[in-house]
Amino acid sequence: MTTHEWVRLTEHQKNIIIKHQSSVPVKLGEIAKDFGLQVKLATLPANISGQIKEDINVVTIKINRHDVKARQRYTLAHEIAHFLLHKHLLREGISDDVLYRSTQSNEIEAEANRLASDIIMPEKVIDELYKKHYKGKKDAQLYESIAAELEVSTTALKIRLGLK
C-alpha cells in the first residue's frame, strides 16, 4: 500500500530511502545523513519524543534519549518525514509529543506518521518477514517477531498493517 505521502516525494528522495531499506532494520541514521540532517540524542521533556528545526541552513533532529529504542527509531522516521514533507515549517521548529502531536495541524502530523511508516516499515520488507516468520507462529507471536526485526513496536506494525 503506497501512501499519498510517498507519491509526493521526488524520485531522488525515494531512491535515497530505498537504498537504505535493503537491510533490516532500515538504516534510518544513514537516510538522515544522506539528506544532510544532523541527528542528536538529547534529554527532552518527558512528554516530547522528538524535535526538528532548521537554523542557518542546518536541519537538526533531536530524539529523546530516554525513550525506548523502538520509539526513538519511529520518532527519527517521523522527523525525517517532516523534513521531506513540511520543510517550510522547520524554521520555527516542530516538537512532537509522545503521541506524535505538535502545535501543527493533525493532518500534518498524520502525513508525517504515514510517511514514517513507509520509511521504517516498507511493505516489501514486511512481506518478506511475514513469509520468514509465518510457520508455526500464532498472530501475536508473528507480529512480535516481525516488529522485533524491524525494531519498531508491535503497535506501530499493526497500525501499518491496518490492524488497529
C-alpha atoms as a PDB file:
ATOM      1  CA  MET A   1       0.000   0.000   0.000  1.00  0.00           C
ATOM      2  CA  THR A   2       1.712   3.124  -1.230  1.00  0.00           C
ATOM      3  CA  THR A   3       0.657   6.210   0.659  1.00  0.00           C
ATOM      4  CA  HIS A   4      -0.132   9.579  -0.854  1.00  0.00           C
ATOM      5  CA  GLU A   5       2.855  10.981   1.030  1.00  0.00           C
ATOM      6  CA  TRP A   6       5.273   8.512  -0.621  1.00  0.00           C
ATOM      7  CA  VAL A   7       3.934   9.503  -4.042  1.00  0.00           C
ATOM      8  CA  ARG A   8       4.659  13.175  -3.231  1.00  0.00           C
ATOM      9  CA  LEU A   9       8.398  12.521  -2.849  1.00  0.00           C
ATOM     10  CA  THR A  10      10.796  13.156  -5.708  1.00  0.00           C
ATOM     11  CA  GLU A  11      12.456  10.173  -7.373  1.00  0.00           C
ATOM     12  CA  HIS A  12      15.755  11.297  -5.840  1.00  0.00           C
ATOM     13  CA  GLN A  13      14.243  11.301  -2.330  1.00  0.00           C
ATOM     14  CA  LYS A  14      12.659   7.873  -2.877  1.00  0.00           C
ATOM     15  CA  ASN A  15      15.953   6.451  -4.150  1.00  0.00           C
ATOM     16  CA  ILE A  16      17.827   7.658  -1.064  1.00  0.00           C
ATOM     17  CA  ILE A  17      15.289   5.958   1.184  1.00  0.00           C
ATOM     18  CA  ILE A  18      15.066   2.745  -0.864  1.00  0.00           C
ATOM     19  CA  LYS A  19      18.859   2.418  -0.861  1.00  0.00           C
ATOM     20  CA  HIS A  20      18.765   2.014   2.936  1.00  0.00           C
ATOM     21  CA  GLN A  21      15.703  -0.234   3.091  1.00  0.00           C
ATOM     22  CA  SER A  22      17.522  -3.279   1.718  1.00  0.00           C
ATOM     23  CA  SER A  23      18.655  -4.379   5.177  1.00  0.00           C
ATOM     24  CA  VAL A  24      16.642  -4.975   8.315  1.00  0.00           C
ATOM     25  CA  PRO A  25      16.217  -2.906  10.374  1.00  0.00           C
ATOM     26  CA  VAL A  26      16.087   0.047   7.988  1.00  0.00           C
ATOM     27  CA  LYS A  27      19.147   2.261   8.427  1.00  0.00           C
ATOM     28  CA  LEU A  28      17.430   5.472   9.495  1.00  0.00           C
ATOM     29  CA  GLY A  29      20.666   7.171  10.562  1.00  0.00           C
ATOM     30  CA  GLU A  30      22.070   6.662   7.066  1.00  0.00           C
ATOM     31  CA  ILE A  31      18.900   8.053   5.495  1.00  0.00           C
ATOM     32  CA  ALA A  32      19.148  11.152   7.700  1.00  0.00           C
ATOM     33  CA  LYS A  33      22.846  11.531   6.864  1.00  0.00           C
ATOM     34  CA  ASP A  34      22.175  11.287   3.110  1.00  0.00           C
ATOM     35  CA  PHE A  35      19.606  14.070   3.427  1.00  0.00           C
ATOM     36  CA  GLY A  36      22.165  16.197   5.291  1.00  0.00           C
ATOM     37  CA  LEU A  37      20.305  16.058   8.592  1.00  0.00           C
ATOM     38  CA  GLN A  38      22.071  16.207  11.942  1.00  0.00           C
ATOM     39  CA  VAL A  39      20.651  13.746  14.456  1.00  0.00           C
ATOM     40  CA  LYS A  40      21.302  14.089  18.180  1.00  0.00           C
ATOM     41  CA  LEU A  41      20.112  12.171  21.190  1.00  0.00           C
ATOM     42  CA  ALA A  42      19.024  14.715  23.773  1.00  0.00           C
ATOM     43  CA  THR A  43      17.337  14.952  27.116  1.00  0.00           C
ATOM     44  CA  LEU A  44      13.948  16.365  26.182  1.00  0.00           C
ATOM     45  CA  PRO A  45      10.933  16.902  28.434  1.00  0.00           C
ATOM     46  CA  ALA A  46       9.252  13.591  29.297  1.00  0.00           C
ATOM     47  CA  ASN A  47       6.295  14.311  27.021  1.00  0.00           C
ATOM     48  CA  ILE A  48       8.445  15.215  23.962  1.00  0.00           C
ATOM     49  CA  SER A  49       9.734  12.388  21.750  1.00  0.00           C
ATOM     50  CA  GLY A  50      11.433  14.464  19.078  1.00  0.00           C
ATOM     51  CA  GLN A  51      12.119  17.870  17.598  1.00  0.00           C
ATOM     52  CA  ILE A  52      13.228  19.115  14.209  1.00  0.00           C
ATOM     53  CA  LYS A  53      14.420  22.617  13.463  1.00  0.00           C
ATOM     54  CA  GLU A  54      16.281  24.453  10.736  1.00  0.00           C
ATOM     55  CA  ASP A  55      18.801  27.056  11.806  1.00  0.00           C
ATOM     56  CA  ILE A  56      21.065  28.813   9.261  1.00  0.00           C
ATOM     57  CA  ASN A  57      20.519  26.077   6.644  1.00  0.00           C
ATOM     58  CA  VAL A  58      21.316  23.246   9.078  1.00  0.00           C
ATOM     59  CA  VAL A  59      18.455  20.934   9.991  1.00  0.00           C
ATOM     60  CA  THR A  60      18.823  19.247  13.361  1.00  0.00           C
ATOM     61  CA  ILE A  61      16.698  16.425  14.708  1.00  0.00           C
ATOM     62  CA  LYS A  62      16.701  15.779  18.430  1.00  0.00           C
ATOM     63  CA  ILE A  63      15.477  12.433  19.712  1.00  0.00           C
ATOM     64  CA  ASN A  64      14.594  11.893  23.373  1.00  0.00           C
ATOM     65  CA  ARG A  65      17.375   9.688  24.739  1.00  0.00           C
ATOM     66  CA  HIS A  66      15.072   8.414  27.498  1.00  0.00           C
ATOM     67  CA  ASP A  67      12.567   6.794  25.130  1.00  0.00           C
ATOM     68  CA  VAL A  68      12.875   3.084  24.321  1.00  0.00           C
ATOM     69  CA  LYS A  69      14.784   2.187  21.147  1.00  0.00           C
ATOM     70  CA  ALA A  70      11.677   1.334  19.077  1.00  0.00           C
ATOM     71  CA  ARG A  71      10.168   4.740  19.885  1.00  0.00           C
ATOM     72  CA  GLN A  72      13.435   6.526  19.119  1.00  0.00           C
ATOM     73  CA  ARG A  73      13.582   4.814  15.725  1.00  0.00           C
ATOM     74  CA  TYR A  74       9.974   5.673  14.859  1.00  0.00           C
ATOM     75  CA  THR A  75      10.496   9.239  16.060  1.00  0.00           C
ATOM     76  CA  LEU A  76      13.513   9.593  13.778  1.00  0.00           C
ATOM     77  CA  ALA A  77      11.486   8.304  10.811  1.00  0.00           C
ATOM     78  CA  HIS A  78       8.687  10.731  11.749  1.00  0.00           C
ATOM     79  CA  GLU A  79      11.069  13.705  11.893  1.00  0.00           C
ATOM     80  CA  ILE A  80      12.668  12.713   8.552  1.00  0.00           C
ATOM     81  CA  ALA A  81       9.135  12.687   7.156  1.00  0.00           C
ATOM     82  CA  HIS A  82       8.566  16.223   8.449  1.00  0.00           C
ATOM     83  CA  PHE A  83      11.780  17.267   6.692  1.00  0.00           C
ATOM     84  CA  LEU A  84      10.637  15.775   3.399  1.00  0.00           C
ATOM     85  CA  LEU A  85       7.009  16.920   3.526  1.00  0.00           C
ATOM     86  CA  HIS A  86       6.999  20.087   5.649  1.00  0.00           C
ATOM     87  CA  LYS A  87      10.338  21.805   5.106  1.00  0.00           C
ATOM     88  CA  HIS A  88       8.542  25.150   5.023  1.00  0.00           C
ATOM     89  CA  LEU A  89       7.658  24.727   8.732  1.00  0.00           C
ATOM     90  CA  LEU A  90      11.139  23.939  10.042  1.00  0.00           C
ATOM     91  CA  ARG A  91      12.365  27.488  10.711  1.00  0.00           C
ATOM     92  CA  GLU A  92      10.033  27.749  13.679  1.00  0.00           C
ATOM     93  CA  GLY A  93      10.716  24.120  14.586  1.00  0.00           C
ATOM     94  CA  ILE A  94       8.380  21.233  15.265  1.00  0.00           C
ATOM     95  CA  SER A  95       8.274  19.403  18.596  1.00  0.00           C
ATOM     96  CA  ASP A  96       6.335  16.144  18.662  1.00  0.00           C
ATOM     97  CA  ASP A  97       4.907  14.793  21.884  1.00  0.00           C
ATOM     98  CA  VAL A  98       4.687  11.127  22.780  1.00  0.00           C
ATOM     99  CA  LEU A  99       1.557  10.754  20.656  1.00  0.00           C
ATOM    100  CA  TYR A 100       3.324  12.411  17.683  1.00  0.00           C
ATOM    101  CA  ARG A 101       1.282  15.562  18.042  1.00  0.00           C
ATOM    102  CA  SER A 102       2.672  19.038  17.793  1.00  0.00           C
ATOM    103  CA  THR A 103       1.369  22.550  17.507  1.00  0.00           C
ATOM    104  CA  GLN A 104       0.930  21.775  13.811  1.00  0.00           C
ATOM    105  CA  SER A 105      -2.371  20.512  12.442  1.00  0.00           C
ATOM    106  CA  ASN A 106      -3.475  16.942  12.979  1.00  0.00           C
ATOM    107  CA  GLU A 107      -3.260  16.432   9.202  1.00  0.00           C
ATOM    108  CA  ILE A 108       0.411  17.472   9.111  1.00  0.00           C
ATOM    109  CA  GLU A 109       1.161  15.006  11.909  1.00  0.00           C
ATOM    110  CA  ALA A 110      -0.860  12.272  10.181  1.00  0.00           C
ATOM    111  CA  GLU A 111       1.108  12.876   6.966  1.00  0.00           C
ATOM    112  CA  ALA A 112       4.396  12.556   8.860  1.00  0.00           C
ATOM    113  CA  ASN A 113       3.183   9.353  10.529  1.00  0.00           C
ATOM    114  CA  ARG A 114       2.145   7.777   7.229  1.00  0.00           C
ATOM    115  CA  LEU A 115       5.451   8.600   5.542  1.00  0.00           C
ATOM    116  CA  ALA A 116       7.396   7.493   8.633  1.00  0.00           C
ATOM    117  CA  SER A 117       5.686   4.113   8.337  1.00  0.00           C
ATOM    118  CA  ASP A 118       6.602   3.911   4.641  1.00  0.00           C
ATOM    119  CA  ILE A 119      10.224   4.651   5.544  1.00  0.00           C
ATOM    120  CA  ILE A 120      10.723   2.387   8.578  1.00  0.00           C
ATOM    121  CA  MET A 121       8.347  -0.449   7.614  1.00  0.00           C
ATOM    122  CA  PRO A 122       8.486  -0.871   3.826  1.00  0.00           C
ATOM    123  CA  GLU A 123       5.728  -3.113   2.534  1.00  0.00           C
ATOM    124  CA  LYS A 124       8.127  -5.371   0.619  1.00  0.00           C
ATOM    125  CA  VAL A 125      10.224  -5.983   3.752  1.00  0.00           C
ATOM    126  CA  ILE A 126       7.137  -6.723   5.861  1.00  0.00           C
ATOM    127  CA  ASP A 127       6.002  -9.268   3.258  1.00  0.00           C
ATOM    128  CA  GLU A 128       9.421 -10.984   3.322  1.00  0.00           C
ATOM    129  CA  LEU A 129       9.487 -11.069   7.127  1.00  0.00           C
ATOM    130  CA  TYR A 130       5.920 -12.392   7.221  1.00  0.00           C
ATOM    131  CA  LYS A 131       6.910 -15.333   5.000  1.00  0.00           C
ATOM    132  CA  LYS A 132      10.044 -15.950   7.095  1.00  0.00           C
ATOM    133  CA  HIS A 133       8.218 -15.971  10.446  1.00  0.00           C
ATOM    134  CA  TYR A 134       4.836 -17.386   9.436  1.00  0.00           C
ATOM    135  CA  LYS A 135       5.463 -21.084  10.107  1.00  0.00           C
ATOM    136  CA  GLY A 136       4.280 -22.237  13.487  1.00  0.00           C
ATOM    137  CA  LYS A 137       3.526 -18.829  14.957  1.00  0.00           C
ATOM    138  CA  LYS A 138       0.215 -17.530  16.143  1.00  0.00           C
ATOM    139  CA  ASP A 139      -0.795 -13.985  15.205  1.00  0.00           C
ATOM    140  CA  ALA A 140       0.582 -12.247  18.309  1.00  0.00           C
ATOM    141  CA  GLN A 141       3.914 -14.102  18.086  1.00  0.00           C
ATOM    142  CA  LEU A 142       4.120 -13.437  14.366  1.00  0.00           C
ATOM    143  CA  TYR A 143       3.651  -9.676  14.751  1.00  0.00           C
ATOM    144  CA  GLU A 144       6.056  -9.553  17.697  1.00  0.00           C
ATOM    145  CA  SER A 145       8.736 -11.336  15.633  1.00  0.00           C
ATOM    146  CA  ILE A 146       8.340  -9.017  12.649  1.00  0.00           C
ATOM    147  CA  ALA A 147       8.286  -5.902  14.854  1.00  0.00           C
ATOM    148  CA  ALA A 148      11.429  -7.071  16.677  1.00  0.00           C
ATOM    149  CA  GLU A 149      13.355  -7.458  13.416  1.00  0.00           C
ATOM    150  CA  LEU A 150      12.202  -4.052  12.193  1.00  0.00           C
ATOM    151  CA  GLU A 151      12.976  -2.578  15.639  1.00  0.00           C
ATOM    152  CA  VAL A 152       9.542  -0.997  15.874  1.00  0.00           C
ATOM    153  CA  SER A 153       6.729  -1.525  18.346  1.00  0.00           C
ATOM    154  CA  THR A 154       4.119  -4.190  17.694  1.00  0.00           C
ATOM    155  CA  THR A 155       1.521  -1.406  17.861  1.00  0.00           C
ATOM    156  CA  ALA A 156       3.263   0.580  15.098  1.00  0.00           C
ATOM    157  CA  LEU A 157       3.428  -2.547  12.931  1.00  0.00           C
ATOM    158  CA  LYS A 158      -0.250  -3.336  13.451  1.00  0.00           C
ATOM    159  CA  ILE A 159      -1.202   0.249  12.570  1.00  0.00           C
ATOM    160  CA  ARG A 160       0.930  -0.020   9.408  1.00  0.00           C
ATOM    161  CA  LEU A 161      -0.889  -3.257   8.509  1.00  0.00           C
ATOM    162  CA  GLY A 162      -4.302  -1.690   9.171  1.00  0.00           C
ATOM    163  CA  LEU A 163      -4.997  -3.970  12.138  1.00  0.00           C
ATOM    164  CA  LYS A 164      -5.522  -1.127  14.628  1.00  0.00           C
END
